[in-house]
Amino acid sequence: MNGVTEAWEDTLKRIENVERGTDHLDVQLGRVLGELTDILKNQHIILSNQNKIIRKLLMILGIALVTLAVTMASGFYS
């Protein structure tokens, strides 16, 4: 989240430069759109990785539950 905050602050500084007339608006907007695109790509990668981790944890939990059920069943019938 810190990287997003820094990118946003940098974007605001660049907008201020545009308002002062120190940068050309089209160049500035291109940079801002590029940075926002990079932020969105990074967020997509983070969410994708989180989904993979959650799937693996659910699989481990399922295996643990099946193992527990088999252990309990074998103890019940013996």
PDB file of N, CA and C in Angstrom:
ATOM      1  N   MET A   1       0.828  -1.182   0.000  1.00  0.00           N
ATOM      2  CA  MET A   1       0.000   0.000   0.000  1.00  0.00           C
ATOM      3  C   MET A   1       0.879   1.255   0.000  1.00  0.00           C
ATOM      4  N   ASN A   2       2.062   1.158   0.570  1.00  0.00           N
ATOM      5  CA  ASN A   2       2.960   2.299   0.639  1.00  0.00           C
ATOM      6  C   ASN A   2       3.390   2.745  -0.755  1.00  0.00           C
ATOM      7  N   GLY A   3       3.646   1.790  -1.639  1.00  0.00           N
ATOM      8  CA  GLY A   3       4.021   2.126  -3.008  1.00  0.00           C
ATOM      9  C   GLY A   3       2.911   2.860  -3.726  1.00  0.00           C
ATOM     10  N   VAL A   4       1.688   2.480  -3.454  1.00  0.00           N
ATOM     11  CA  VAL A   4       0.535   3.152  -4.066  1.00  0.00           C
ATOM     12  C   VAL A   4       0.454   4.579  -3.564  1.00  0.00           C
ATOM     13  N   THR A   5       0.671   4.787  -2.271  1.00  0.00           N
ATOM     14  CA  THR A   5       0.630   6.129  -1.687  1.00  0.00           C
ATOM     15  C   THR A   5       1.715   7.015  -2.292  1.00  0.00           C
ATOM     16  N   GLU A   6       2.923   6.458  -2.432  1.00  0.00           N
ATOM     17  CA  GLU A   6       4.019   7.229  -3.011  1.00  0.00           C
ATOM     18  C   GLU A   6       3.726   7.581  -4.468  1.00  0.00           C
ATOM     19  N   ALA A   7       3.178   6.624  -5.211  1.00  0.00           N
ATOM     20  CA  ALA A   7       2.843   6.888  -6.612  1.00  0.00           C
ATOM     21  C   ALA A   7       1.771   7.962  -6.709  1.00  0.00           C
ATOM     22  N   TRP A   8       0.808   7.923  -5.799  1.00  0.00           N
ATOM     23  CA  TRP A   8      -0.265   8.927  -5.811  1.00  0.00           C
ATOM     24  C   TRP A   8       0.293  10.305  -5.478  1.00  0.00           C
ATOM     25  N   GLU A   9       1.174  10.390  -4.483  1.00  0.00           N
ATOM     26  CA  GLU A   9       1.776  11.676  -4.135  1.00  0.00           C
ATOM     27  C   GLU A   9       2.607  12.219  -5.292  1.00  0.00           C
ATOM     28  N   ASP A  10       3.346  11.339  -5.955  1.00  0.00           N
ATOM     29  CA  ASP A  10       4.133  11.748  -7.114  1.00  0.00           C
ATOM     30  C   ASP A  10       3.220  12.255  -8.223  1.00  0.00           C
ATOM     31  N   THR A  11       2.101  11.583  -8.408  1.00  0.00           N
ATOM     32  CA  THR A  11       1.135  12.005  -9.424  1.00  0.00           C
ATOM     33  C   THR A  11       0.585  13.390  -9.106  1.00  0.00           C
ATOM     34  N   LEU A  12       0.258  13.628  -7.837  1.00  0.00           N
ATOM     35  CA  LEU A  12      -0.257  14.943  -7.446  1.00  0.00           C
ATOM     36  C   LEU A  12       0.783  16.039  -7.674  1.00  0.00           C
ATOM     37  N   LYS A  13       2.058  15.735  -7.390  1.00  0.00           N
ATOM     38  CA  LYS A  13       3.116  16.716  -7.637  1.00  0.00           C
ATOM     39  C   LYS A  13       3.207  17.034  -9.126  1.00  0.00           C
ATOM     40  N   ARG A  14       3.075  16.008  -9.945  1.00  0.00           N
ATOM     41  CA  ARG A  14       3.159  16.235 -11.389  1.00  0.00           C
ATOM     42  C   ARG A  14       1.974  17.060 -11.884  1.00  0.00           C
ATOM     43  N   ILE A  15       0.807  16.819 -11.309  1.00  0.00           N
ATOM     44  CA  ILE A  15      -0.362  17.622 -11.687  1.00  0.00           C
ATOM     45  C   ILE A  15      -0.139  19.082 -11.299  1.00  0.00           C
ATOM     46  N   GLU A  16       0.473  19.316 -10.137  1.00  0.00           N
ATOM     47  CA  GLU A  16       0.779  20.687  -9.728  1.00  0.00           C
ATOM     48  C   GLU A  16       1.740  21.342 -10.707  1.00  0.00           C
ATOM     49  N   ASN A  17       2.718  20.575 -11.202  1.00  0.00           N
ATOM     50  CA  ASN A  17       3.657  21.105 -12.192  1.00  0.00           C
ATOM     51  C   ASN A  17       2.931  21.481 -13.479  1.00  0.00           C
ATOM     52  N   VAL A  18       1.955  20.687 -13.856  1.00  0.00           N
ATOM     53  CA  VAL A  18       1.178  20.992 -15.049  1.00  0.00           C
ATOM     54  C   VAL A  18       0.409  22.287 -14.843  1.00  0.00           C
ATOM     55  N   GLU A  19      -0.180  22.433 -13.644  1.00  0.00           N
ATOM     56  CA  GLU A  19      -0.943  23.643 -13.357  1.00  0.00           C
ATOM     57  C   GLU A  19      -0.046  24.875 -13.387  1.00  0.00           C
ATOM     58  N   ARG A  20       1.203  24.721 -12.983  1.00  0.00           N
ATOM     59  CA  ARG A  20       2.147  25.843 -13.020  1.00  0.00           C
ATOM     60  C   ARG A  20       2.672  26.083 -14.428  1.00  0.00           C
ATOM     61  N   GLY A  21       2.421  25.132 -15.315  1.00  0.00           N
ATOM     62  CA  GLY A  21       2.876  25.294 -16.690  1.00  0.00           C
ATOM     63  C   GLY A  21       4.294  24.830 -16.926  1.00  0.00           C
ATOM     64  N   THR A  22       4.868  24.070 -15.990  1.00  0.00           N
ATOM     65  CA  THR A  22       6.243  23.625 -16.157  1.00  0.00           C
ATOM     66  C   THR A  22       6.351  22.345 -16.978  1.00  0.00           C
ATOM     67  N   ASP A  23       5.256  21.608 -17.124  1.00  0.00           N
ATOM     68  CA  ASP A  23       5.258  20.392 -17.935  1.00  0.00           C
ATOM     69  C   ASP A  23       4.133  20.487 -18.960  1.00  0.00           C
ATOM     70  N   HIS A  24       4.309  19.782 -20.056  1.00  0.00           N
ATOM     71  CA  HIS A  24       3.247  19.710 -21.053  1.00  0.00           C
ATOM     72  C   HIS A  24       2.197  18.713 -20.590  1.00  0.00           C
ATOM     73  N   LEU A  25       0.947  19.070 -20.752  1.00  0.00           N
ATOM     74  CA  LEU A  25      -0.159  18.262 -20.229  1.00  0.00           C
ATOM     75  C   LEU A  25      -0.203  16.874 -20.850  1.00  0.00           C
ATOM     76  N   ASP A  26      -0.001  16.755 -22.166  1.00  0.00           N
ATOM     77  CA  ASP A  26      -0.104  15.440 -22.800  1.00  0.00           C
ATOM     78  C   ASP A  26       1.001  14.498 -22.332  1.00  0.00           C
ATOM     79  N   VAL A  27       2.195  15.009 -22.149  1.00  0.00           N
ATOM     80  CA  VAL A  27       3.302  14.182 -21.651  1.00  0.00           C
ATOM     81  C   VAL A  27       3.012  13.750 -20.223  1.00  0.00           C
ATOM     82  N   GLN A  28       2.522  14.684 -19.439  1.00  0.00           N
ATOM     83  CA  GLN A  28       2.218  14.405 -18.039  1.00  0.00           C
ATOM     84  C   GLN A  28       1.123  13.353 -17.916  1.00  0.00           C
ATOM     85  N   LEU A  29       0.063  13.491 -18.692  1.00  0.00           N
ATOM     86  CA  LEU A  29      -1.035  12.519 -18.627  1.00  0.00           C
ATOM     87  C   LEU A  29      -0.556  11.134 -19.068  1.00  0.00           C
ATOM     88  N   GLY A  30       0.317  11.070 -20.045  1.00  0.00           N
ATOM     89  CA  GLY A  30       0.883   9.789 -20.462  1.00  0.00           C
ATOM     90  C   GLY A  30       1.646   9.115 -19.342  1.00  0.00           C
ATOM     91  N   ARG A  31       2.427   9.900 -18.614  1.00  0.00           N
ATOM     92  CA  ARG A  31       3.191   9.350 -17.484  1.00  0.00           C
ATOM     93  C   ARG A  31       2.246   8.858 -16.386  1.00  0.00           C
ATOM     94  N   VAL A  32       1.242   9.672 -16.081  1.00  0.00           N
ATOM     95  CA  VAL A  32       0.292   9.300 -15.024  1.00  0.00           C
ATOM     96  C   VAL A  32      -0.442   8.016 -15.397  1.00  0.00           C
ATOM     97  N   LEU A  33      -0.915   7.934 -16.628  1.00  0.00           N
ATOM     98  CA  LEU A  33      -1.616   6.719 -17.061  1.00  0.00           C
ATOM     99  C   LEU A  33      -0.699   5.510 -17.029  1.00  0.00           C
ATOM    100  N   GLY A  34       0.556   5.692 -17.401  1.00  0.00           N
ATOM    101  CA  GLY A  34       1.518   4.593 -17.335  1.00  0.00           C
ATOM    102  C   GLY A  34       1.738   4.109 -15.920  1.00  0.00           C
ATOM    103  N   GLU A  35       1.854   5.050 -14.997  1.00  0.00           N
ATOM    104  CA  GLU A  35       2.058   4.674 -13.595  1.00  0.00           C
ATOM    105  C   GLU A  35       0.826   3.973 -13.026  1.00  0.00           C
ATOM    106  N   LEU A  36      -0.352   4.486 -13.350  1.00  0.00           N
ATOM    107  CA  LEU A  36      -1.573   3.845 -12.861  1.00  0.00           C
ATOM    108  C   LEU A  36      -1.726   2.441 -13.436  1.00  0.00           C
ATOM    109  N   THR A  37      -1.343   2.261 -14.682  1.00  0.00           N
ATOM    110  CA  THR A  37      -1.388   0.933 -15.296  1.00  0.00           C
ATOM    111  C   THR A  37      -0.442  -0.021 -14.567  1.00  0.00           C
ATOM    112  N   ASP A  38       0.756   0.452 -14.243  1.00  0.00           N
ATOM    113  CA  ASP A  38       1.708  -0.379 -13.500  1.00  0.00           C
ATOM    114  C   ASP A  38       1.163  -0.756 -12.127  1.00  0.00           C
ATOM    115  N   ILE A  39       0.522   0.197 -11.452  1.00  0.00           N
ATOM    116  CA  ILE A  39      -0.057  -0.089 -10.134  1.00  0.00           C
ATOM    117  C   ILE A  39      -1.129  -1.164 -10.254  1.00  0.00           C
ATOM    118  N   LEU A  40      -1.994  -1.049 -11.250  1.00  0.00           N
ATOM    119  CA  LEU A  40      -3.055  -2.044 -11.432  1.00  0.00           C
ATOM    120  C   LEU A  40      -2.480  -3.422 -11.758  1.00  0.00           C
ATOM    121  N   LYS A  41      -1.426  -3.472 -12.573  1.00  0.00           N
ATOM    122  CA  LYS A  41      -0.792  -4.760 -12.891  1.00  0.00           C
ATOM    123  C   LYS A  41      -0.220  -5.391 -11.622  1.00  0.00           C
ATOM    124  N   ASN A  42       0.438  -4.571 -10.789  1.00  0.00           N
ATOM    125  CA  ASN A  42       1.004  -5.097  -9.546  1.00  0.00           C
ATOM    126  C   ASN A  42      -0.086  -5.615  -8.614  1.00  0.00           C
ATOM    127  N   GLN A  43      -1.203  -4.898  -8.526  1.00  0.00           N
ATOM    128  CA  GLN A  43      -2.307  -5.351  -7.683  1.00  0.00           C
ATOM    129  C   GLN A  43      -2.875  -6.665  -8.206  1.00  0.00           C
ATOM    130  N   HIS A  44      -2.957  -6.804  -9.533  1.00  0.00           N
ATOM    131  CA  HIS A  44      -3.465  -8.047 -10.118  1.00  0.00           C
ATOM    132  C   HIS A  44      -2.541  -9.216  -9.769  1.00  0.00           C
ATOM    133  N   ILE A  45      -1.240  -8.992  -9.826  1.00  0.00           N
ATOM    134  CA  ILE A  45      -0.273 -10.045  -9.482  1.00  0.00           C
ATOM    135  C   ILE A  45      -0.423 -10.439  -8.013  1.00  0.00           C
ATOM    136  N   ILE A  46      -0.582  -9.445  -7.139  1.00  0.00           N
ATOM    137  CA  ILE A  46      -0.739  -9.732  -5.708  1.00  0.00           C
ATOM    138  C   ILE A  46      -1.994 -10.556  -5.460  1.00  0.00           C
ATOM    139  N   LEU A  47      -3.110 -10.159  -6.081  1.00  0.00           N
ATOM    140  CA  LEU A  47      -4.364 -10.906  -5.890  1.00  0.00           C
ATOM    141  C   LEU A  47      -4.255 -12.321  -6.450  1.00  0.00           C
ATOM    142  N   SER A  48      -3.583 -12.464  -7.577  1.00  0.00           N
ATOM    143  CA  SER A  48      -3.410 -13.785  -8.172  1.00  0.00           C
ATOM    144  C   SER A  48      -2.611 -14.687  -7.233  1.00  0.00           C
ATOM    145  N   ASN A  49      -1.556 -14.143  -6.653  1.00  0.00           N
ATOM    146  CA  ASN A  49      -0.738 -14.923  -5.723  1.00  0.00           C
ATOM    147  C   ASN A  49      -1.523 -15.282  -4.465  1.00  0.00           C
ATOM    148  N   GLN A  50      -2.350 -14.365  -3.984  1.00  0.00           N
ATOM    149  CA  GLN A  50      -3.167 -14.656  -2.810  1.00  0.00           C
ATOM    150  C   GLN A  50      -4.160 -15.776  -3.103  1.00  0.00           C
ATOM    151  N   ASN A  51      -4.742 -15.762  -4.290  1.00  0.00           N
ATOM    152  CA  ASN A  51      -5.681 -16.823  -4.664  1.00  0.00           C
ATOM    153  C   ASN A  51      -4.989 -18.179  -4.707  1.00  0.00           C
ATOM    154  N   LYS A  52      -3.764 -18.219  -5.226  1.00  0.00           N
ATOM    155  CA  LYS A  52      -3.015 -19.475  -5.275  1.00  0.00           C
ATOM    156  C   LYS A  52      -2.735 -19.990  -3.857  1.00  0.00           C
ATOM    157  N   ILE A  53      -2.354 -19.094  -2.967  1.00  0.00           N
ATOM    158  CA  ILE A  53      -2.064 -19.492  -1.585  1.00  0.00           C
ATOM    159  C   ILE A  53      -3.322 -20.014  -0.906  1.00  0.00           C
ATOM    160  N   ILE A  54      -4.448 -19.334  -1.110  1.00  0.00           N
ATOM    161  CA  ILE A  54      -5.710 -19.773  -0.493  1.00  0.00           C
ATOM    162  C   ILE A  54      -6.103 -21.152  -1.009  1.00  0.00           C
ATOM    163  N   ARG A  55      -5.959 -21.394  -2.305  1.00  0.00           N
ATOM    164  CA  ARG A  55      -6.286 -22.720  -2.861  1.00  0.00           C
ATOM    165  C   ARG A  55      -5.420 -23.803  -2.231  1.00  0.00           C
ATOM    166  N   LYS A  56      -4.127 -23.530  -2.070  1.00  0.00           N
ATOM    167  CA  LYS A  56      -3.229 -24.520  -1.472  1.00  0.00           C
ATOM    168  C   LYS A  56      -3.602 -24.788  -0.015  1.00  0.00           C
ATOM    169  N   LEU A  57      -3.939 -23.730   0.721  1.00  0.00           N
ATOM    170  CA  LEU A  57      -4.325 -23.909   2.122  1.00  0.00           C
ATOM    171  C   LEU A  57      -5.616 -24.720   2.240  1.00  0.00           C
ATOM    172  N   LEU A  58      -6.579 -24.459   1.347  1.00  0.00           N
ATOM    173  CA  LEU A  58      -7.822 -25.232   1.366  1.00  0.00           C
ATOM    174  C   LEU A  58      -7.563 -26.705   1.028  1.00  0.00           C
ATOM    175  N   MET A  59      -6.650 -26.952   0.103  1.00  0.00           N
ATOM    176  CA  MET A  59      -6.314 -28.327  -0.242  1.00  0.00           C
ATOM    177  C   MET A  59      -5.678 -29.035   0.962  1.00  0.00           C
ATOM    178  N   ILE A  60      -4.770 -28.354   1.652  1.00  0.00           N
ATOM    179  CA  ILE A  60      -4.131 -28.937   2.836  1.00  0.00           C
ATOM    180  C   ILE A  60      -5.175 -29.201   3.916  1.00  0.00           C
ATOM    181  N   LEU A  61      -6.092 -28.260   4.101  1.00  0.00           N
ATOM    182  CA  LEU A  61      -7.154 -28.439   5.084  1.00  0.00           C
ATOM    183  C   LEU A  61      -8.034 -29.637   4.731  1.00  0.00           C
ATOM    184  N   GLY A  62      -8.353 -29.798   3.462  1.00  0.00           N
ATOM    185  CA  GLY A  62      -9.153 -30.939   3.019  1.00  0.00           C
ATOM    186  C   GLY A  62      -8.448 -32.255   3.281  1.00  0.00           C
ATOM    187  N   ILE A  63      -7.151 -32.304   2.977  1.00  0.00           N
ATOM    188  CA  ILE A  63      -6.376 -33.527   3.227  1.00  0.00           C
ATOM    189  C   ILE A  63      -6.343 -33.835   4.724  1.00  0.00           C
ATOM    190  N   ALA A  64      -6.167 -32.783   5.536  1.00  0.00           N
ATOM    191  CA  ALA A  64      -6.128 -32.987   6.989  1.00  0.00           C
ATOM    192  C   ALA A  64      -7.469 -33.513   7.500  1.00  0.00           C
ATOM    193  N   LEU A  65      -8.570 -32.992   6.971  1.00  0.00           N
ATOM    194  CA  LEU A  65      -9.890 -33.464   7.404  1.00  0.00           C
ATOM    195  C   LEU A  65     -10.140 -34.913   6.990  1.00  0.00           C
ATOM    196  N   VAL A  66      -9.736 -35.286   5.789  1.00  0.00           N
ATOM    197  CA  VAL A  66      -9.897 -36.673   5.343  1.00  0.00           C
ATOM    198  C   VAL A  66      -9.038 -37.591   6.203  1.00  0.00           C
ATOM    199  N   THR A  67      -7.824 -37.175   6.488  1.00  0.00           N
ATOM    200  CA  THR A  67      -6.938 -37.976   7.333  1.00  0.00           C
ATOM    201  C   THR A  67      -7.542 -38.149   8.733  1.00  0.00           C
ATOM    202  N   LEU A  68      -8.082 -37.078   9.280  1.00  0.00           N
ATOM    203  CA  LEU A  68      -8.722 -37.146  10.588  1.00  0.00           C
ATOM    204  C   LEU A  68      -9.928 -38.084  10.555  1.00  0.00           C
ATOM    205  N   ALA A  69     -10.740 -38.002   9.509  1.00  0.00           N
ATOM    206  CA  ALA A  69     -11.918 -38.867   9.398  1.00  0.00           C
ATOM    207  C   ALA A  69     -11.511 -40.331   9.297  1.00  0.00           C
ATOM    208  N   VAL A  70     -10.483 -40.630   8.512  1.00  0.00           N
ATOM    209  CA  VAL A  70     -10.016 -42.012   8.376  1.00  0.00           C
ATOM    210  C   VAL A  70      -9.463 -42.516   9.701  1.00  0.00           C
ATOM    211  N   THR A  71      -8.716 -41.670  10.385  1.00  0.00           N
ATOM    212  CA  THR A  71      -8.154 -42.066  11.680  1.00  0.00           C
ATOM    213  C   THR A  71      -9.258 -42.339  12.694  1.00  0.00           C
ATOM    214  N   MET A  72     -10.253 -41.491  12.729  1.00  0.00           N
ATOM    215  CA  MET A  72     -11.367 -41.687  13.662  1.00  0.00           C
ATOM    216  C   MET A  72     -12.161 -42.937  13.306  1.00  0.00           C
ATOM    217  N   ALA A  73     -12.377 -43.162  12.012  1.00  0.00           N
ATOM    218  CA  ALA A  73     -13.136 -44.342  11.587  1.00  0.00           C
ATOM    219  C   ALA A  73     -12.377 -45.621  11.922  1.00  0.00           C
ATOM    220  N   SER A  74     -11.072 -45.625  11.721  1.00  0.00           N
ATOM    221  CA  SER A  74     -10.302 -46.830  12.022  1.00  0.00           C
ATOM    222  C   SER A  74     -10.275 -47.085  13.534  1.00  0.00           C
ATOM    223  N   GLY A  75     -10.262 -46.040  14.343  1.00  0.00           N
ATOM    224  CA  GLY A  75     -10.305 -46.206  15.786  1.00  0.00           C
ATOM    225  C   GLY A  75     -11.678 -46.656  16.262  1.00  0.00           C
ATOM    226  N   PHE A  76     -12.712 -46.240  15.589  1.00  0.00           N
ATOM    227  CA  PHE A  76     -14.076 -46.586  15.945  1.00  0.00           C
ATOM    228  C   PHE A  76     -14.363 -48.061  15.671  1.00  0.00           C
ATOM    229  N   TYR A  77     -13.845 -48.564  14.560  1.00  0.00           N
ATOM    230  CA  TYR A  77     -14.128 -49.944  14.168  1.00  0.00           C
ATOM    231  C   TYR A  77     -13.182 -50.959  14.790  1.00  0.00           C
ATOM    232  N   SER A  78     -12.117 -50.525  15.403  1.00  0.00           N
ATOM    233  CA  SER A  78     -11.190 -51.519  15.963  1.00  0.00           C
ATOM    234  C   SER A  78     -11.514 -51.896  17.382  1.00  0.00           C
TER     235      SER A  78
END
